Every structure is written in structure tokens, then in C-alpha cells.
Amino acid sequence: MKHLKTIYLIDDDEGINFLNRSVISRLQLADNVVAFKDPIVAFDTLKKEIEAGTAPELILLDINMPLMDGWEFVKKYGS
């Protein structure tokens, strides 16, 4: 797999973010892994990163979250 600069982990479960970060680090898949528990903060950060030209190459997104589920995140991102 191609080595990535940045991966976003968006999941309200800290344990899942920890496991995903561990696997990504062990496999040396990316230089930078940024984990978010709050999808709204993640979305706002993503918008800023896109504007700056530094958007992540991969986003692992939880579908079932309380503040904004994954489908809402994708829909908002597409608009």
C-alpha cells in the first residue's frame, strides 16, 4: 500500500481510535494520524485543511455516532 501523509480517524469510541492508530502505526501506513471523537470538530478541521491544501489522503469514519452520524458527515461534505 502507498505510504500516506495523513489519515483521519473519526469515531466517538476512544478504544476504536486507539486500535486503528496502533494498526496504522505498526504497518507504517502514514506519517500523521489524527483522531477525532467529535465529528463536528473533525468536519470543521477537514474544511480548513482542504482550504489550506493539506487535506488527509484517507478518512476512516464511524457510521454510528451521536452528534453527527457518518452518513450526515458525508452528506454535509458533499454539499
C-alpha atoms as a PDB file:
ATOM      1  CA  MET A   1       0.000   0.000   0.000  1.00  0.00           C
ATOM      2  CA  LYS A   2       1.137   3.526  -0.770  1.00  0.00           C
ATOM      3  CA  HIS A   3       2.523   5.442   2.213  1.00  0.00           C
ATOM      4  CA  LEU A   4       0.179   8.308   3.123  1.00  0.00           C
ATOM      5  CA  LYS A   5       0.946  11.663   4.649  1.00  0.00           C
ATOM      6  CA  THR A   6      -2.178  11.981   6.826  1.00  0.00           C
ATOM      7  CA  ILE A   7      -5.052   9.761   7.917  1.00  0.00           C
ATOM      8  CA  TYR A   8      -8.077  10.987   9.899  1.00  0.00           C
ATOM      9  CA  LEU A   9      -9.817   8.670  12.342  1.00  0.00           C
ATOM     10  CA  ILE A  10     -13.320   9.888  13.179  1.00  0.00           C
ATOM     11  CA  ASP A  11     -15.001   7.750  15.825  1.00  0.00           C
ATOM     12  CA  ASP A  12     -16.668   8.584  19.141  1.00  0.00           C
ATOM     13  CA  ASP A  13     -15.146   5.439  20.675  1.00  0.00           C
ATOM     14  CA  GLU A  14     -11.651   6.130  22.030  1.00  0.00           C
ATOM     15  CA  GLY A  15     -10.843   2.417  22.056  1.00  0.00           C
ATOM     16  CA  ILE A  16     -11.528   2.067  18.341  1.00  0.00           C
ATOM     17  CA  ASN A  17      -9.399   5.142  17.587  1.00  0.00           C
ATOM     18  CA  PHE A  18      -6.611   3.649  19.714  1.00  0.00           C
ATOM     19  CA  LEU A  19      -6.767   0.302  17.901  1.00  0.00           C
ATOM     20  CA  ASN A  20      -6.884   1.898  14.456  1.00  0.00           C
ATOM     21  CA  ARG A  21      -3.977   4.198  15.325  1.00  0.00           C
ATOM     22  CA  SER A  22      -1.974   1.214  16.614  1.00  0.00           C
ATOM     23  CA  VAL A  23      -2.529  -0.827  13.453  1.00  0.00           C
ATOM     24  CA  ILE A  24      -1.743   2.120  11.177  1.00  0.00           C
ATOM     25  CA  SER A  25       1.436   2.887  13.147  1.00  0.00           C
ATOM     26  CA  ARG A  26       2.547  -0.748  13.222  1.00  0.00           C
ATOM     27  CA  LEU A  27       2.090  -1.037   9.457  1.00  0.00           C
ATOM     28  CA  GLN A  28       3.738   2.363   8.936  1.00  0.00           C
ATOM     29  CA  LEU A  29       0.921   3.469   6.630  1.00  0.00           C
ATOM     30  CA  ALA A  30       1.080   7.198   7.351  1.00  0.00           C
ATOM     31  CA  ASP A  31       3.297   9.946   8.691  1.00  0.00           C
ATOM     32  CA  ASN A  32       0.468  11.518  10.661  1.00  0.00           C
ATOM     33  CA  VAL A  33      -2.675  10.008  12.199  1.00  0.00           C
ATOM     34  CA  VAL A  34      -5.218  12.431  13.641  1.00  0.00           C
ATOM     35  CA  ALA A  35      -8.049  11.025  15.767  1.00  0.00           C
ATOM     36  CA  PHE A  36     -11.310  12.846  16.443  1.00  0.00           C
ATOM     37  CA  LYS A  37     -14.043  11.838  18.897  1.00  0.00           C
ATOM     38  CA  ASP A  38     -16.300  14.693  17.800  1.00  0.00           C
ATOM     39  CA  PRO A  39     -17.403  14.559  14.148  1.00  0.00           C
ATOM     40  CA  ILE A  40     -18.313  18.260  14.131  1.00  0.00           C
ATOM     41  CA  VAL A  41     -14.779  19.233  15.166  1.00  0.00           C
ATOM     42  CA  ALA A  42     -13.442  16.784  12.576  1.00  0.00           C
ATOM     43  CA  PHE A  43     -15.611  18.307   9.853  1.00  0.00           C
ATOM     44  CA  ASP A  44     -14.546  21.869  10.712  1.00  0.00           C
ATOM     45  CA  THR A  45     -10.887  20.810  10.774  1.00  0.00           C
ATOM     46  CA  LEU A  46     -11.273  18.987   7.455  1.00  0.00           C
ATOM     47  CA  LYS A  47     -12.752  22.096   5.816  1.00  0.00           C
ATOM     48  CA  LYS A  48      -9.776  24.180   6.989  1.00  0.00           C
ATOM     49  CA  GLU A  49      -7.297  21.553   5.812  1.00  0.00           C
ATOM     50  CA  ILE A  50      -8.942  21.387   2.385  1.00  0.00           C
ATOM     51  CA  GLU A  51      -8.731  25.178   2.057  1.00  0.00           C
ATOM     52  CA  ALA A  52      -5.054  25.034   3.059  1.00  0.00           C
ATOM     53  CA  GLY A  53      -4.354  22.240   0.561  1.00  0.00           C
ATOM     54  CA  THR A  54      -3.366  19.800   3.294  1.00  0.00           C
ATOM     55  CA  ALA A  55      -6.392  17.501   3.411  1.00  0.00           C
ATOM     56  CA  PRO A  56      -5.838  13.916   4.579  1.00  0.00           C
ATOM     57  CA  GLU A  57      -5.477  11.223   1.953  1.00  0.00           C
ATOM     58  CA  LEU A  58      -7.671   8.796   3.907  1.00  0.00           C
ATOM     59  CA  ILE A  59     -10.543   9.190   6.383  1.00  0.00           C
ATOM     60  CA  LEU A  60     -11.808   6.278   8.474  1.00  0.00           C
ATOM     61  CA  LEU A  61     -15.311   7.357   9.518  1.00  0.00           C
ATOM     62  CA  ASP A  62     -17.636   5.740  12.038  1.00  0.00           C
ATOM     63  CA  ILE A  63     -21.184   5.483  10.717  1.00  0.00           C
ATOM     64  CA  ASN A  64     -22.929   5.393  14.114  1.00  0.00           C
ATOM     65  CA  MET A  65     -22.099   8.493  16.214  1.00  0.00           C
ATOM     66  CA  PRO A  66     -24.393  10.586  18.427  1.00  0.00           C
ATOM     67  CA  LEU A  67     -23.636  14.188  17.352  1.00  0.00           C
ATOM     68  CA  MET A  68     -23.457  13.628  13.607  1.00  0.00           C
ATOM     69  CA  ASP A  69     -23.519  10.158  12.117  1.00  0.00           C
ATOM     70  CA  GLY A  70     -21.211   9.134   9.297  1.00  0.00           C
ATOM     71  CA  TRP A  71     -23.910   9.494   6.653  1.00  0.00           C
ATOM     72  CA  GLU A  72     -24.641  13.071   7.759  1.00  0.00           C
ATOM     73  CA  PHE A  73     -20.899  13.799   7.670  1.00  0.00           C
ATOM     74  CA  VAL A  74     -20.613  12.535   4.086  1.00  0.00           C
ATOM     75  CA  LYS A  75     -23.747  14.381   3.003  1.00  0.00           C
ATOM     76  CA  LYS A  76     -22.502  17.641   4.551  1.00  0.00           C
ATOM     77  CA  TYR A  77     -19.061  17.111   2.982  1.00  0.00           C
ATOM     78  CA  GLY A  78     -20.652  16.655  -0.453  1.00  0.00           C
ATOM     79  CA  SER A  79     -22.675  19.854  -0.292  1.00  0.00           C
END
